[in-house]
Amino acid sequence: MRSRRNLRVAGTPKSPFGLPRVYLVLPTVGTTSRRLAAAIGTFNALWEAGYEVICPSVTHPPTEDADDLLTVVDEDMSCLAGADILAITDGCEGLWEPVYAQAVGIPVVYAVELLNQPMSA
């Protein structure tokens, strides 16, 4: 993972609000309500630090079958493609999102590192 100290978001942020857009990845275990409860503090802290935050893992309903899962992953890939930074939480290192983000050149950092460093100008 790249440290926030070495992170430079090139170009104009993709957010229509002019904020750097962060795709927040959470562990995939638990119910939607538990994932949301675990994410809300990190989500709010990133927003208050000046980021637009996208967190699809709390907005999708549980998948019923493989077709549902493929639809969700396709939607997530579209959201991720629109992100400036991918922020992960502990336990997310082996998920597909960090691997995909690194492959397409989107910086991957821990959310806590993003919050502990001043935003790049």
Protein backbone atom coordinates (compact mmCIF):
# COMPACT_ATOMS: atom_id res chain seq x y z
CA MET A 1 0.00 0.00 0.00
CA ARG A 2 1.20 3.49 -0.76
CA SER A 3 1.65 5.82 2.14
CA ARG A 4 -0.34 9.07 2.10
CA ARG A 5 2.97 10.91 2.28
CA ASN A 6 3.77 9.70 -1.24
CA LEU A 7 0.25 10.10 -2.59
CA ARG A 8 -0.32 12.72 -5.24
CA VAL A 9 -3.66 12.78 -6.96
CA ALA A 10 -2.96 13.94 -10.49
CA GLY A 11 -5.25 16.27 -12.37
CA THR A 12 -8.66 17.52 -11.43
CA PRO A 13 -10.69 15.43 -8.97
CA LYS A 14 -13.41 13.35 -10.64
CA SER A 15 -16.02 14.52 -8.16
CA PRO A 16 -18.63 16.97 -9.44
CA PHE A 17 -18.17 18.73 -6.09
CA GLY A 18 -14.50 19.43 -6.82
CA LEU A 19 -13.40 17.18 -3.95
CA PRO A 20 -11.03 14.22 -4.26
CA ARG A 21 -13.29 11.16 -4.63
CA VAL A 22 -12.50 8.29 -2.25
CA TYR A 23 -13.87 4.80 -2.77
CA LEU A 24 -14.04 3.30 0.74
CA VAL A 25 -13.69 -0.49 0.99
CA LEU A 26 -14.94 -2.37 4.03
CA PRO A 27 -14.74 -6.01 5.05
CA THR A 28 -17.47 -8.00 3.33
CA VAL A 29 -18.63 -9.99 6.34
CA GLY A 30 -21.78 -9.22 8.26
CA THR A 31 -25.14 -7.73 7.44
CA THR A 32 -25.60 -4.45 5.61
CA SER A 33 -26.62 -2.74 8.86
CA ARG A 34 -23.46 -3.98 10.63
CA ARG A 35 -21.25 -2.86 7.72
CA LEU A 36 -22.91 0.54 7.77
CA ALA A 37 -22.46 0.88 11.54
CA ALA A 38 -18.78 0.00 11.18
CA ALA A 39 -18.29 2.40 8.26
CA ILE A 40 -20.15 5.49 9.39
CA GLY A 41 -17.34 6.87 11.55
CA THR A 42 -14.72 6.45 8.83
CA PHE A 43 -17.12 7.72 6.16
CA ASN A 44 -17.92 10.86 8.16
CA ALA A 45 -14.28 11.50 9.07
CA LEU A 46 -13.22 11.29 5.41
CA TRP A 47 -16.07 13.60 4.37
CA GLU A 48 -15.20 16.12 7.08
CA ALA A 49 -11.54 15.98 5.96
CA GLY A 50 -12.62 17.19 2.52
CA TYR A 51 -13.20 14.03 0.49
CA GLU A 52 -16.25 12.90 -1.44
CA VAL A 53 -16.78 9.34 -0.20
CA ILE A 54 -18.27 6.43 -2.14
CA CYS A 55 -18.93 3.27 -0.14
CA PRO A 56 -20.86 0.76 -2.25
CA SER A 57 -20.41 -2.12 0.17
CA VAL A 58 -23.06 -0.62 2.46
CA THR A 59 -25.52 0.33 -0.25
CA HIS A 60 -25.96 -3.03 -1.98
CA PRO A 61 -28.59 -5.49 -0.79
CA PRO A 62 -27.41 -9.03 -0.07
CA THR A 63 -26.81 -11.01 -3.25
CA GLU A 64 -29.09 -13.95 -3.92
CA ASP A 65 -27.06 -15.75 -6.57
CA ALA A 66 -24.07 -15.47 -8.90
CA ASP A 67 -25.93 -13.17 -11.32
CA ASP A 68 -26.69 -10.74 -8.49
CA LEU A 69 -23.06 -10.82 -7.42
CA LEU A 70 -21.84 -10.13 -10.97
CA THR A 71 -24.20 -7.16 -11.24
CA VAL A 72 -22.94 -5.74 -7.94
CA VAL A 73 -19.29 -6.18 -8.94
CA ASP A 74 -19.96 -4.50 -12.30
CA GLU A 75 -21.58 -1.52 -10.54
CA ASP A 76 -18.69 -1.39 -8.05
CA MET A 77 -16.14 -1.38 -10.88
CA SER A 78 -17.91 1.62 -12.42
CA CYS A 79 -17.81 3.46 -9.09
CA LEU A 80 -14.17 2.57 -8.57
CA ALA A 81 -13.25 3.79 -12.06
CA GLY A 82 -14.58 7.19 -11.01
CA ALA A 83 -12.45 7.37 -7.86
CA ASP A 84 -9.27 9.31 -7.27
CA ILE A 85 -8.19 7.18 -4.29
CA LEU A 86 -9.14 3.77 -2.90
CA ALA A 87 -9.21 3.74 0.91
CA ILE A 88 -9.24 0.41 2.69
CA THR A 89 -9.87 -0.65 6.25
CA ASP A 90 -8.14 -3.50 8.08
CA GLY A 91 -9.07 -6.87 6.65
CA CYS A 92 -9.64 -5.62 3.10
CA GLU A 93 -6.16 -6.16 1.71
CA GLY A 94 -7.09 -9.36 -0.14
CA LEU A 95 -10.34 -8.16 -1.68
CA TRP A 96 -10.64 -7.55 -5.42
CA GLU A 97 -10.97 -3.75 -5.18
CA PRO A 98 -7.37 -3.01 -4.06
CA VAL A 99 -5.98 -5.40 -6.67
CA TYR A 100 -8.07 -3.81 -9.43
CA ALA A 101 -7.29 -0.26 -8.28
CA GLN A 102 -3.55 -0.89 -8.28
CA ALA A 103 -3.78 -2.49 -11.74
CA VAL A 104 -5.44 0.60 -13.22
CA GLY A 105 -3.26 3.11 -11.36
CA ILE A 106 -5.62 4.29 -8.62
CA PRO A 107 -3.66 4.88 -5.39
CA VAL A 108 -4.56 2.48 -2.57
CA VAL A 109 -4.12 3.64 1.03
CA TYR A 110 -5.47 2.76 4.44
CA ALA A 111 -8.31 5.09 5.43
CA VAL A 112 -6.55 5.86 8.73
CA GLU A 113 -3.45 7.03 6.80
CA LEU A 114 -5.60 9.26 4.65
CA LEU A 115 -7.04 10.84 7.77
CA ASN A 116 -3.67 11.26 9.49
CA GLN A 117 -2.04 13.26 6.69
CA PRO A 118 -2.92 16.70 5.36
CA MET A 119 -4.62 16.68 1.99
CA SER A 120 -2.31 17.35 -0.98
CA ALA A 121 -2.85 20.60 -2.79
